Protein backbone atom coordinates (compact mmCIF):
# COMPACT_ATOMS: atom_id res chain seq x y z
CA MET A 1 -18.63 -39.83 -12.59
CA ARG A 2 -22.40 -39.41 -12.11
CA ALA A 3 -21.56 -38.86 -8.41
CA ASP A 4 -19.06 -36.26 -9.50
CA ALA A 5 -21.20 -34.48 -11.91
CA THR A 6 -21.54 -30.75 -12.26
CA ASN A 7 -24.58 -28.51 -11.22
CA ALA A 8 -24.66 -27.78 -15.06
CA GLU A 9 -24.93 -31.47 -15.67
CA ASN A 10 -27.42 -32.41 -13.01
CA LEU A 11 -29.58 -29.39 -14.15
CA LEU A 12 -29.53 -30.70 -17.72
CA TRP A 13 -30.16 -34.07 -16.78
CA GLN A 14 -33.27 -33.23 -14.98
CA ALA A 15 -34.79 -31.76 -17.88
CA LEU A 16 -33.72 -34.47 -20.40
CA ARG A 17 -34.37 -37.63 -18.46
CA GLY A 18 -37.52 -39.68 -18.85
CA SER A 19 -38.02 -38.53 -22.34
CA GLN A 20 -39.19 -35.02 -21.32
CA LEU A 21 -37.86 -33.26 -24.30
CA GLU A 22 -40.40 -33.82 -27.04
CA GLY A 23 -40.16 -37.56 -26.35
CA PHE A 24 -36.67 -38.02 -27.15
CA LYS A 25 -34.80 -40.69 -24.97
CA PHE A 26 -31.43 -39.04 -23.90
CA ARG A 27 -28.71 -41.56 -22.18
CA ARG A 28 -26.17 -39.90 -19.83
CA GLN A 29 -22.50 -40.47 -19.77
CA VAL A 30 -22.13 -43.07 -22.64
CA PRO A 31 -18.90 -44.45 -23.74
CA LEU A 32 -18.05 -44.30 -27.33
CA GLU A 33 -14.63 -44.68 -29.16
CA GLY A 34 -12.68 -43.86 -25.84
CA TYR A 35 -14.66 -40.91 -24.89
CA ILE A 36 -17.48 -40.53 -22.40
CA LEU A 37 -20.21 -38.38 -23.72
CA ASP A 38 -22.08 -36.40 -21.27
CA PHE A 39 -25.62 -36.85 -22.87
CA VAL A 40 -26.64 -38.64 -26.19
CA CYS A 41 -29.84 -39.14 -28.27
CA PHE A 42 -29.35 -41.92 -30.66
CA GLU A 43 -32.72 -41.31 -32.41
CA ALA A 44 -32.01 -37.89 -32.95
CA ARG A 45 -28.22 -38.46 -33.45
CA LEU A 46 -27.42 -35.71 -31.04
CA ILE A 47 -24.66 -35.44 -28.50
CA VAL A 48 -24.36 -32.81 -26.01
CA GLU A 49 -21.14 -31.99 -24.03
CA VAL A 50 -21.55 -29.82 -20.92
CA ASP A 51 -18.29 -27.70 -20.04
CA ASP A 52 -17.75 -26.60 -16.43
CA VAL A 53 -16.30 -23.19 -16.55
CA LEU A 54 -14.92 -23.44 -12.95
CA ARG A 55 -13.37 -26.85 -13.80
CA GLU A 56 -11.90 -25.52 -16.93
CA CYS A 57 -10.28 -22.39 -15.00
CA HIS A 58 -9.00 -24.41 -12.53
CA ALA A 59 -7.42 -26.97 -14.95
CA LEU A 60 -5.70 -24.09 -16.79
CA ALA A 61 -4.49 -22.30 -13.62
CA HIS A 62 -2.99 -25.47 -12.62
CA ASP A 63 -1.33 -26.03 -15.96
CA ALA A 64 -0.05 -22.58 -15.83
CA GLN A 65 1.31 -23.10 -12.25
CA ARG A 66 3.15 -26.47 -13.36
CA GLU A 67 4.70 -24.63 -16.50
CA ASP A 68 5.78 -22.12 -14.09
CA SER A 69 7.44 -24.39 -11.74
CA SER A 70 9.46 -26.13 -14.55
């Protein structure tokens, strides 16, 4: 999944990696209870999910097209 990361995810990871944000350590794409979390800082008890607007629009268009053809 990291190879298929969005631009937004890559940019955010560059800012978070290596404890650059106030010394907090973030991990990327962490599995938790059947989900894959984009970014997580266990010390701060913080989960960051990044939405890709273009991917979401494509998925919605695909769903609408599938419903129309039913």
